[in-house]
Structures are given as structure tokens and as C-alpha cells.
């Protein structure tokens, strides 16, 4: 079954997003900021899962407030996930 043009575009976007996210996590592993053996898929799934759940569980009436602080929430989420997998800033790896 052939995919529609919209489905093909979505699939390309998803693949590119995963490629970029994976390369960021692998770069962190290569630089020693993340421990060897860190699963890029698990890190990306954790971040995406937390953010998706937060949006889906936020009442519609609270969406404007969520959107106002979205950048801060994303930053807090990424910090949380990175701390869970043992992130260490590059200057602490020497």
C-alpha cells in the first residue's frame, strides 16, 4: 500500500528528527558527557514521552500557560533525563 504524500512527508520528518536526536546523544557519548552504553533511543523516548504526556494531560484551559513556559519545561525535561542517564558537563570529564 502506497503512502499518501502527507504520510510520506511525515515519515521523512520523523526519520530526520530521529537522525538528528540520535546524533546529538551519540555526540554526548563520544565526548564523555554521557556514559558509554547510553541508549540514544531510550533518551529520546524519555524526552518525547514526558513532553507528549505533559501536553496530552494538560487541560485545554491551561494550554496558553503551558505554551508560555514551553521552552522552560523542555529545558527542565531534558535536564531531568540527562541527569537520569549520568550526564556530566565536558569540563568535568578532564
PDB file of N, CA and C in Angstrom:
ATOM      1  N   UNK A   1       0.841  -1.175   0.000  1.00  0.00           N
ATOM      2  CA  UNK A   1       0.000   0.000   0.000  1.00  0.00           C
ATOM      3  C   UNK A   1       0.890   1.242   0.000  1.00  0.00           C
ATOM      4  N   UNK A   2       0.671   2.104  -0.949  1.00  0.00           N
ATOM      5  CA  UNK A   2       1.464   3.320  -1.070  1.00  0.00           C
ATOM      6  C   UNK A   2       0.994   4.358  -0.060  1.00  0.00           C
ATOM      7  N   UNK A   3       1.963   5.086   0.483  1.00  0.00           N
ATOM      8  CA  UNK A   3       1.646   6.153   1.428  1.00  0.00           C
ATOM      9  C   UNK A   3       1.237   7.415   0.674  1.00  0.00           C
ATOM     10  N   UNK A   4       0.340   8.166   1.270  1.00  0.00           N
ATOM     11  CA  UNK A   4      -0.053   9.446   0.685  1.00  0.00           C
ATOM     12  C   UNK A   4       1.131  10.406   0.776  1.00  0.00           C
ATOM     13  N   UNK A   5       1.065  11.485   0.057  1.00  0.00           N
ATOM     14  CA  UNK A   5       2.145  12.481   0.090  1.00  0.00           C
ATOM     15  C   UNK A   5       2.322  13.032   1.505  1.00  0.00           C
ATOM     16  N   UNK A   6       1.214  13.249   2.208  1.00  0.00           N
ATOM     17  CA  UNK A   6       1.293  13.742   3.586  1.00  0.00           C
ATOM     18  C   UNK A   6       1.962  12.743   4.509  1.00  0.00           C
ATOM     19  N   UNK A   7       1.607  11.474   4.361  1.00  0.00           N
ATOM     20  CA  UNK A   7       2.208  10.430   5.182  1.00  0.00           C
ATOM     21  C   UNK A   7       3.696  10.289   4.865  1.00  0.00           C
ATOM     22  N   UNK A   8       4.058  10.411   3.609  1.00  0.00           N
ATOM     23  CA  UNK A   8       5.469  10.346   3.226  1.00  0.00           C
ATOM     24  C   UNK A   8       6.247  11.507   3.836  1.00  0.00           C
ATOM     25  N   UNK A   9       5.664  12.695   3.807  1.00  0.00           N
ATOM     26  CA  UNK A   9       6.323  13.864   4.389  1.00  0.00           C
ATOM     27  C   UNK A   9       6.493  13.692   5.899  1.00  0.00           C
ATOM     28  N   UNK A  10       5.459  13.182   6.557  1.00  0.00           N
ATOM     29  CA  UNK A  10       5.542  12.939   7.997  1.00  0.00           C
ATOM     30  C   UNK A  10       6.624  11.909   8.300  1.00  0.00           C
ATOM     31  N   UNK A  11       6.689  10.856   7.520  1.00  0.00           N
ATOM     32  CA  UNK A  11       7.702   9.824   7.726  1.00  0.00           C
ATOM     33  C   UNK A  11       9.111  10.390   7.535  1.00  0.00           C
ATOM     34  N   UNK A  12       9.307  11.218   6.525  1.00  0.00           N
ATOM     35  CA  UNK A  12      10.621  11.855   6.310  1.00  0.00           C
ATOM     36  C   UNK A  12      10.982  12.742   7.493  1.00  0.00           C
ATOM     37  N   UNK A  13      10.014  13.518   7.972  1.00  0.00           N
ATOM     38  CA  UNK A  13      10.239  14.390   9.127  1.00  0.00           C
ATOM     39  C   UNK A  13      10.606  13.560  10.361  1.00  0.00           C
ATOM     40  N   UNK A  14       9.885  12.483  10.601  1.00  0.00           N
ATOM     41  CA  UNK A  14      10.176  11.628  11.750  1.00  0.00           C
ATOM     42  C   UNK A  14      11.575  11.028  11.646  1.00  0.00           C
ATOM     43  N   UNK A  15      11.938  10.525  10.486  1.00  0.00           N
ATOM     44  CA  UNK A  15      13.272   9.937  10.299  1.00  0.00           C
ATOM     45  C   UNK A  15      14.362  10.974  10.518  1.00  0.00           C
ATOM     46  N   UNK A  16      14.170  12.169   9.980  1.00  0.00           N
ATOM     47  CA  UNK A  16      15.172  13.230  10.123  1.00  0.00           C
ATOM     48  C   UNK A  16      15.274  13.678  11.581  1.00  0.00           C
ATOM     49  N   UNK A  17      14.152  13.801  12.257  1.00  0.00           N
ATOM     50  CA  UNK A  17      14.174  14.177  13.675  1.00  0.00           C
ATOM     51  C   UNK A  17      14.917  13.125  14.498  1.00  0.00           C
ATOM     52  N   UNK A  18      14.657  11.871  14.236  1.00  0.00           N
ATOM     53  CA  UNK A  18      15.340  10.792  14.966  1.00  0.00           C
ATOM     54  C   UNK A  18      16.839  10.780  14.635  1.00  0.00           C
ATOM     55  N   UNK A  19      17.183  11.019  13.383  1.00  0.00           N
ATOM     56  CA  UNK A  19      18.590  11.046  12.998  1.00  0.00           C
ATOM     57  C   UNK A  19      19.322  12.157  13.745  1.00  0.00           C
ATOM     58  N   UNK A  20      18.722  13.335  13.797  1.00  0.00           N
ATOM     59  CA  UNK A  20      19.340  14.473  14.484  1.00  0.00           C
ATOM     60  C   UNK A  20      19.445  14.192  15.984  1.00  0.00           C
ATOM     61  N   UNK A  21      18.349  13.734  16.580  1.00  0.00           N
ATOM     62  CA  UNK A  21      18.368  13.436  18.015  1.00  0.00           C
ATOM     63  C   UNK A  21      19.397  12.375  18.356  1.00  0.00           C
ATOM     64  N   UNK A  22      19.445  11.320  17.560  1.00  0.00           N
ATOM     65  CA  UNK A  22      20.422  10.246  17.796  1.00  0.00           C
ATOM     66  C   UNK A  22      21.837  10.786  17.696  1.00  0.00           C
ATOM     67  N   UNK A  23      22.104  11.638  16.703  1.00  0.00           N
ATOM     68  CA  UNK A  23      23.465  12.167  16.545  1.00  0.00           C
ATOM     69  C   UNK A  23      23.859  13.041  17.735  1.00  0.00           C
ATOM     70  N   UNK A  24      22.908  13.751  18.321  1.00  0.00           N
ATOM     71  CA  UNK A  24      23.195  14.566  19.498  1.00  0.00           C
ATOM     72  C   UNK A  24      23.568  13.675  20.679  1.00  0.00           C
ATOM     73  N   UNK A  25      22.797  12.618  20.899  1.00  0.00           N
ATOM     74  CA  UNK A  25      23.088  11.711  22.014  1.00  0.00           C
ATOM     75  C   UNK A  25      24.420  10.997  21.781  1.00  0.00           C
ATOM     76  N   UNK A  26      24.655  10.512  20.576  1.00  0.00           N
ATOM     77  CA  UNK A  26      25.923   9.829  20.273  1.00  0.00           C
ATOM     78  C   UNK A  26      27.095  10.781  20.461  1.00  0.00           C
ATOM     79  N   UNK A  27      26.940  12.034  20.084  1.00  0.00           N
ATOM     80  CA  UNK A  27      27.990  13.031  20.298  1.00  0.00           C
ATOM     81  C   UNK A  27      28.284  13.183  21.790  1.00  0.00           C
ATOM     82  N   UNK A  28      27.233  13.183  22.607  1.00  0.00           N
ATOM     83  CA  UNK A  28      27.418  13.253  24.054  1.00  0.00           C
ATOM     84  C   UNK A  28      28.159  12.046  24.600  1.00  0.00           C
ATOM     85  N   UNK A  29      27.889  10.885  24.044  1.00  0.00           N
ATOM     86  CA  UNK A  29      28.599   9.666  24.451  1.00  0.00           C
ATOM     87  C   UNK A  29      30.060   9.764  24.028  1.00  0.00           C
ATOM     88  N   UNK A  30      30.283  10.157  22.779  1.00  0.00           N
ATOM     89  CA  UNK A  30      31.653  10.258  22.248  1.00  0.00           C
ATOM     90  C   UNK A  30      32.499  11.261  23.022  1.00  0.00           C
ATOM     91  N   UNK A  31      31.884  12.339  23.510  1.00  0.00           N
ATOM     92  CA  UNK A  31      32.628  13.373  24.234  1.00  0.00           C
ATOM     93  C   UNK A  31      32.808  13.035  25.712  1.00  0.00           C
ATOM     94  N   UNK A  32      32.169  11.963  26.162  1.00  0.00           N
ATOM     95  CA  UNK A  32      32.260  11.586  27.563  1.00  0.00           C
ATOM     96  C   UNK A  32      31.239  12.274  28.454  1.00  0.00           C
ATOM     97  N   UNK A  33      30.377  13.079  27.861  1.00  0.00           N
ATOM     98  CA  UNK A  33      29.346  13.744  28.654  1.00  0.00           C
ATOM     99  C   UNK A  33      28.255  12.763  29.078  1.00  0.00           C
ATOM    100  N   UNK A  34      28.055  11.734  28.284  1.00  0.00           N
ATOM    101  CA  UNK A  34      27.126  10.657  28.616  1.00  0.00           C
ATOM    102  C   UNK A  34      27.913   9.357  28.702  1.00  0.00           C
ATOM    103  N   UNK A  35      27.538   8.468  29.609  1.00  0.00           N
ATOM    104  CA  UNK A  35      28.279   7.219  29.771  1.00  0.00           C
ATOM    105  C   UNK A  35      28.209   6.327  28.529  1.00  0.00           C
ATOM    106  N   UNK A  36      29.283   5.580  28.298  1.00  0.00           N
ATOM    107  CA  UNK A  36      29.254   4.563  27.256  1.00  0.00           C
ATOM    108  C   UNK A  36      28.092   3.628  27.560  1.00  0.00           C
ATOM    109  N   UNK A  37      27.422   3.173  26.541  1.00  0.00           N
ATOM    110  CA  UNK A  37      26.299   2.272  26.717  1.00  0.00           C
ATOM    111  C   UNK A  37      24.959   2.977  26.852  1.00  0.00           C
ATOM    112  N   UNK A  38      24.979   4.314  26.907  1.00  0.00           N
ATOM    113  CA  UNK A  38      23.715   5.054  26.953  1.00  0.00           C
ATOM    114  C   UNK A  38      22.935   4.761  25.676  1.00  0.00           C
ATOM    115  N   UNK A  39      21.673   4.458  25.824  1.00  0.00           N
ATOM    116  CA  UNK A  39      20.824   4.154  24.673  1.00  0.00           C
ATOM    117  C   UNK A  39      20.237   5.444  24.098  1.00  0.00           C
ATOM    118  N   UNK A  40      20.654   5.825  22.878  1.00  0.00           N
ATOM    119  CA  UNK A  40      20.047   7.012  22.270  1.00  0.00           C
ATOM    120  C   UNK A  40      18.527   6.893  22.166  1.00  0.00           C
ATOM    121  N   UNK A  41      18.036   5.715  21.814  1.00  0.00           N
ATOM    122  CA  UNK A  41      16.593   5.526  21.674  1.00  0.00           C
ATOM    123  C   UNK A  41      15.887   5.747  23.012  1.00  0.00           C
ATOM    124  N   UNK A  42      16.477   5.245  24.098  1.00  0.00           N
ATOM    125  CA  UNK A  42      15.846   5.409  25.403  1.00  0.00           C
ATOM    126  C   UNK A  42      15.840   6.881  25.831  1.00  0.00           C
ATOM    127  N   UNK A  43      16.940   7.587  25.592  1.00  0.00           N
ATOM    128  CA  UNK A  43      16.988   9.016  25.932  1.00  0.00           C
ATOM    129  C   UNK A  43      15.932   9.781  25.141  1.00  0.00           C
ATOM    130  N   UNK A  44      15.872   9.537  23.847  1.00  0.00           N
ATOM    131  CA  UNK A  44      14.910  10.245  23.003  1.00  0.00           C
ATOM    132  C   UNK A  44      13.473   9.875  23.351  1.00  0.00           C
ATOM    133  N   UNK A  45      13.233   8.594  23.617  1.00  0.00           N
ATOM    134  CA  UNK A  45      11.887   8.163  24.016  1.00  0.00           C
ATOM    135  C   UNK A  45      11.474   8.801  25.336  1.00  0.00           C
ATOM    136  N   UNK A  46      12.415   8.910  26.277  1.00  0.00           N
ATOM    137  CA  UNK A  46      12.097   9.507  27.576  1.00  0.00           C
ATOM    138  C   UNK A  46      11.713  10.971  27.410  1.00  0.00           C
ATOM    139  N   UNK A  47      12.509  11.716  26.662  1.00  0.00           N
ATOM    140  CA  UNK A  47      12.199  13.135  26.461  1.00  0.00           C
ATOM    141  C   UNK A  47      10.866  13.283  25.723  1.00  0.00           C
ATOM    142  N   UNK A  48      10.709  12.577  24.627  1.00  0.00           N
ATOM    143  CA  UNK A  48       9.471  12.694  23.842  1.00  0.00           C
ATOM    144  C   UNK A  48       8.263  12.220  24.643  1.00  0.00           C
ATOM    145  N   UNK A  49       8.433  11.158  25.403  1.00  0.00           N
ATOM    146  CA  UNK A  49       7.321  10.631  26.190  1.00  0.00           C
ATOM    147  C   UNK A  49       6.868  11.594  27.267  1.00  0.00           C
ATOM    148  N   UNK A  50       7.833  12.181  27.984  1.00  0.00           N
ATOM    149  CA  UNK A  50       7.486  13.139  29.026  1.00  0.00           C
ATOM    150  C   UNK A  50       6.760  14.337  28.419  1.00  0.00           C
ATOM    151  N   UNK A  51       7.314  14.870  27.338  1.00  0.00           N
ATOM    152  CA  UNK A  51       6.701  16.057  26.723  1.00  0.00           C
ATOM    153  C   UNK A  51       5.318  15.748  26.163  1.00  0.00           C
ATOM    154  N   UNK A  52       5.189  14.605  25.492  1.00  0.00           N
ATOM    155  CA  UNK A  52       3.898  14.219  24.925  1.00  0.00           C
ATOM    156  C   UNK A  52       2.861  14.028  26.027  1.00  0.00           C
ATOM    157  N   UNK A  53       3.252  13.322  27.075  1.00  0.00           N
ATOM    158  CA  UNK A  53       2.319  13.092  28.177  1.00  0.00           C
ATOM    159  C   UNK A  53       1.895  14.414  28.815  1.00  0.00           C
ATOM    160  N   UNK A  54       2.833  15.320  28.973  1.00  0.00           N
ATOM    161  CA  UNK A  54       2.518  16.603  29.593  1.00  0.00           C
ATOM    162  C   UNK A  54       1.492  17.384  28.758  1.00  0.00           C
ATOM    163  N   UNK A  55       1.702  17.406  27.467  1.00  0.00           N
ATOM    164  CA  UNK A  55       0.768  18.123  26.591  1.00  0.00           C
ATOM    165  C   UNK A  55      -0.601  17.438  26.599  1.00  0.00           C
ATOM    166  N   UNK A  56      -0.604  16.117  26.491  1.00  0.00           N
ATOM    167  CA  UNK A  56      -1.883  15.405  26.431  1.00  0.00           C
ATOM    168  C   UNK A  56      -2.659  15.454  27.736  1.00  0.00           C
ATOM    169  N   UNK A  57      -1.952  15.604  28.853  1.00  0.00           N
ATOM    170  CA  UNK A  57      -2.647  15.618  30.142  1.00  0.00           C
ATOM    171  C   UNK A  57      -2.952  17.031  30.648  1.00  0.00           C
ATOM    172  N   UNK A  58      -2.537  18.028  29.902  1.00  0.00           N
ATOM    173  CA  UNK A  58      -2.834  19.407  30.283  1.00  0.00           C
ATOM    174  C   UNK A  58      -4.235  19.789  29.811  1.00  0.00           C
ATOM    175  N   UNK A  59      -5.075  20.273  30.725  1.00  0.00           N
ATOM    176  CA  UNK A  59      -6.420  20.694  30.302  1.00  0.00           C
ATOM    177  C   UNK A  59      -6.329  21.800  29.248  1.00  0.00           C
ATOM    178  N   UNK A  60      -7.259  21.791  28.334  1.00  0.00           N
ATOM    179  CA  UNK A  60      -7.284  22.781  27.256  1.00  0.00           C
ATOM    180  C   UNK A  60      -7.247  24.193  27.827  1.00  0.00           C
ATOM    181  N   UNK A  61      -7.927  24.407  28.931  1.00  0.00           N
ATOM    182  CA  UNK A  61      -7.956  25.746  29.529  1.00  0.00           C
ATOM    183  C   UNK A  61      -6.580  26.203  30.010  1.00  0.00           C
ATOM    184  N   UNK A  62      -5.664  25.256  30.212  1.00  0.00           N
ATOM    185  CA  UNK A  62      -4.328  25.579  30.689  1.00  0.00           C
ATOM    186  C   UNK A  62      -3.279  25.645  29.564  1.00  0.00           C
ATOM    187  N   UNK A  63      -3.708  25.390  28.344  1.00  0.00           N
ATOM    188  CA  UNK A  63      -2.774  25.392  27.209  1.00  0.00           C
ATOM    189  C   UNK A  63      -2.057  26.732  27.017  1.00  0.00           C
ATOM    190  N   UNK A  64      -2.731  27.870  27.153  1.00  0.00           N
ATOM    191  CA  UNK A  64      -1.986  29.124  26.998  1.00  0.00           C
ATOM    192  C   UNK A  64      -0.827  29.239  27.997  1.00  0.00           C
ATOM    193  N   UNK A  65      -1.054  28.840  29.239  1.00  0.00           N
ATOM    194  CA  UNK A  65       0.014  28.895  30.248  1.00  0.00           C
ATOM    195  C   UNK A  65       1.131  27.908  29.899  1.00  0.00           C
ATOM    196  N   UNK A  66       0.756  26.736  29.419  1.00  0.00           N
ATOM    197  CA  UNK A  66       1.752  25.742  29.010  1.00  0.00           C
ATOM    198  C   UNK A  66       2.618  26.295  27.879  1.00  0.00           C
ATOM    199  N   UNK A  67       1.976  26.934  26.919  1.00  0.00           N
ATOM    200  CA  UNK A  67       2.719  27.471  25.778  1.00  0.00           C
ATOM    201  C   UNK A  67       3.641  28.609  26.196  1.00  0.00           C
ATOM    202  N   UNK A  68       3.235  29.382  27.195  1.00  0.00           N
ATOM    203  CA  UNK A  68       4.085  30.477  27.669  1.00  0.00           C
ATOM    204  C   UNK A  68       5.376  29.971  28.292  1.00  0.00           C
ATOM    205  N   UNK A  69       5.335  28.804  28.903  1.00  0.00           N
ATOM    206  CA  UNK A  69       6.539  28.304  29.570  1.00  0.00           C
ATOM    207  C   UNK A  69       7.097  27.040  28.903  1.00  0.00           C
ATOM    208  N   UNK A  70       6.739  26.831  27.643  1.00  0.00           N
ATOM    209  CA  UNK A  70       7.154  25.605  26.959  1.00  0.00           C
ATOM    210  C   UNK A  70       8.662  25.454  26.885  1.00  0.00           C
ATOM    211  N   UNK A  71       9.393  26.518  26.579  1.00  0.00           N
ATOM    212  CA  UNK A  71      10.846  26.405  26.466  1.00  0.00           C
ATOM    213  C   UNK A  71      11.471  25.993  27.793  1.00  0.00           C
ATOM    214  N   UNK A  72      10.991  26.577  28.876  1.00  0.00           N
ATOM    215  CA  UNK A  72      11.493  26.238  30.207  1.00  0.00           C
ATOM    216  C   UNK A  72      11.173  24.789  30.547  1.00  0.00           C
ATOM    217  N   UNK A  73       9.970  24.336  30.220  1.00  0.00           N
ATOM    218  CA  UNK A  73       9.590  22.954  30.515  1.00  0.00           C
ATOM    219  C   UNK A  73      10.426  21.974  29.701  1.00  0.00           C
ATOM    220  N   UNK A  74      10.670  22.279  28.439  1.00  0.00           N
ATOM    221  CA  UNK A  74      11.518  21.410  27.612  1.00  0.00           C
ATOM    222  C   UNK A  74      12.918  21.342  28.212  1.00  0.00           C
ATOM    223  N   UNK A  75      13.462  22.487  28.608  1.00  0.00           N
ATOM    224  CA  UNK A  75      14.794  22.521  29.218  1.00  0.00           C
ATOM    225  C   UNK A  75      14.827  21.682  30.499  1.00  0.00           C
ATOM    226  N   UNK A  76      13.818  21.841  31.343  1.00  0.00           N
ATOM    227  CA  UNK A  76      13.754  21.060  32.586  1.00  0.00           C
ATOM    228  C   UNK A  76      13.644  19.566  32.292  1.00  0.00           C
ATOM    229  N   UNK A  77      12.882  19.206  31.282  1.00  0.00           N
ATOM    230  CA  UNK A  77      12.714  17.803  30.907  1.00  0.00           C
ATOM    231  C   UNK A  77      14.025  17.209  30.418  1.00  0.00           C
ATOM    232  N   UNK A  78      14.708  17.914  29.528  1.00  0.00           N
ATOM    233  CA  UNK A  78      15.990  17.421  29.015  1.00  0.00           C
ATOM    234  C   UNK A  78      17.001  17.308  30.155  1.00  0.00           C
ATOM    235  N   UNK A  79      17.066  18.303  31.022  1.00  0.00           N
ATOM    236  CA  UNK A  79      17.972  18.236  32.174  1.00  0.00           C
ATOM    237  C   UNK A  79      17.663  17.018  33.042  1.00  0.00           C
ATOM    238  N   UNK A  80      16.389  16.764  33.280  1.00  0.00           N
ATOM    239  CA  UNK A  80      15.963  15.628  34.096  1.00  0.00           C
ATOM    240  C   UNK A  80      16.413  14.305  33.475  1.00  0.00           C
ATOM    241  N   UNK A  81      16.154  14.137  32.188  1.00  0.00           N
ATOM    242  CA  UNK A  81      16.516  12.883  31.506  1.00  0.00           C
ATOM    243  C   UNK A  81      18.034  12.722  31.473  1.00  0.00           C
ATOM    244  N   UNK A  82      18.753  13.808  31.159  1.00  0.00           N
ATOM    245  CA  UNK A  82      20.210  13.703  31.111  1.00  0.00           C
ATOM    246  C   UNK A  82      20.788  13.356  32.483  1.00  0.00           C
ATOM    247  N   UNK A  83      20.243  13.930  33.538  1.00  0.00           N
ATOM    248  CA  UNK A  83      20.745  13.599  34.868  1.00  0.00           C
ATOM    249  C   UNK A  83      20.473  12.134  35.193  1.00  0.00           C
ATOM    250  N   UNK A  84      19.351  11.613  34.712  1.00  0.00           N
ATOM    251  CA  UNK A  84      18.999  10.217  34.965  1.00  0.00           C
ATOM    252  C   UNK A  84      19.959   9.240  34.285  1.00  0.00           C
ATOM    253  N   UNK A  85      20.541   9.650  33.163  1.00  0.00           N
ATOM    254  CA  UNK A  85      21.471   8.754  32.457  1.00  0.00           C
ATOM    255  C   UNK A  85      22.925   9.048  32.791  1.00  0.00           C
ATOM    256  N   UNK A  86      23.168   9.969  33.724  1.00  0.00           N
ATOM    257  CA  UNK A  86      24.531  10.212  34.183  1.00  0.00           C
ATOM    258  C   UNK A  86      25.294  11.264  33.417  1.00  0.00           C
ATOM    259  N   UNK A  87      24.608  12.271  32.918  1.00  0.00           N
ATOM    260  CA  UNK A  87      25.266  13.370  32.197  1.00  0.00           C
ATOM    261  C   UNK A  87      26.292  14.060  33.084  1.00  0.00           C
ATOM    262  N   UNK A  88      27.444  14.358  32.494  1.00  0.00           N
ATOM    263  CA  UNK A  88      28.488  15.160  33.153  1.00  0.00           C
ATOM    264  C   UNK A  88      28.962  16.197  32.148  1.00  0.00           C
ATOM    265  N   UNK A  89      28.949  17.487  32.526  1.00  0.00           N
ATOM    266  CA  UNK A  89      29.442  18.519  31.603  1.00  0.00           C
ATOM    267  C   UNK A  89      30.869  18.205  31.156  1.00  0.00           C
ATOM    268  N   UNK A  90      31.187  18.636  29.943  1.00  0.00           N
ATOM    269  CA  UNK A  90      32.500  18.333  29.359  1.00  0.00           C
ATOM    270  C   UNK A  90      33.645  18.785  30.246  1.00  0.00           C
ATOM    271  N   UNK A  91      33.512  19.911  30.928  1.00  0.00           N
ATOM    272  CA  UNK A  91      34.612  20.406  31.755  1.00  0.00           C
ATOM    273  C   UNK A  91      34.830  19.566  33.012  1.00  0.00           C
ATOM    274  N   UNK A  92      33.933  18.645  33.325  1.00  0.00           N
ATOM    275  CA  UNK A  92      34.115  17.749  34.455  1.00  0.00           C
ATOM    276  C   UNK A  92      34.673  16.401  34.024  1.00  0.00           C
ATOM    277  N   UNK A  93      34.931  16.241  32.726  1.00  0.00           N
ATOM    278  CA  UNK A  93      35.429  14.963  32.218  1.00  0.00           C
ATOM    279  C   UNK A  93      36.941  14.902  32.163  1.00  0.00           C
ATOM    280  N   UNK A  94      37.609  16.008  32.386  1.00  0.00           N
ATOM    281  CA  UNK A  94      39.076  16.028  32.255  1.00  0.00           C
ATOM    282  C   UNK A  94      39.752  15.381  33.441  1.00  0.00           C
TER     283      UNK A  94
END
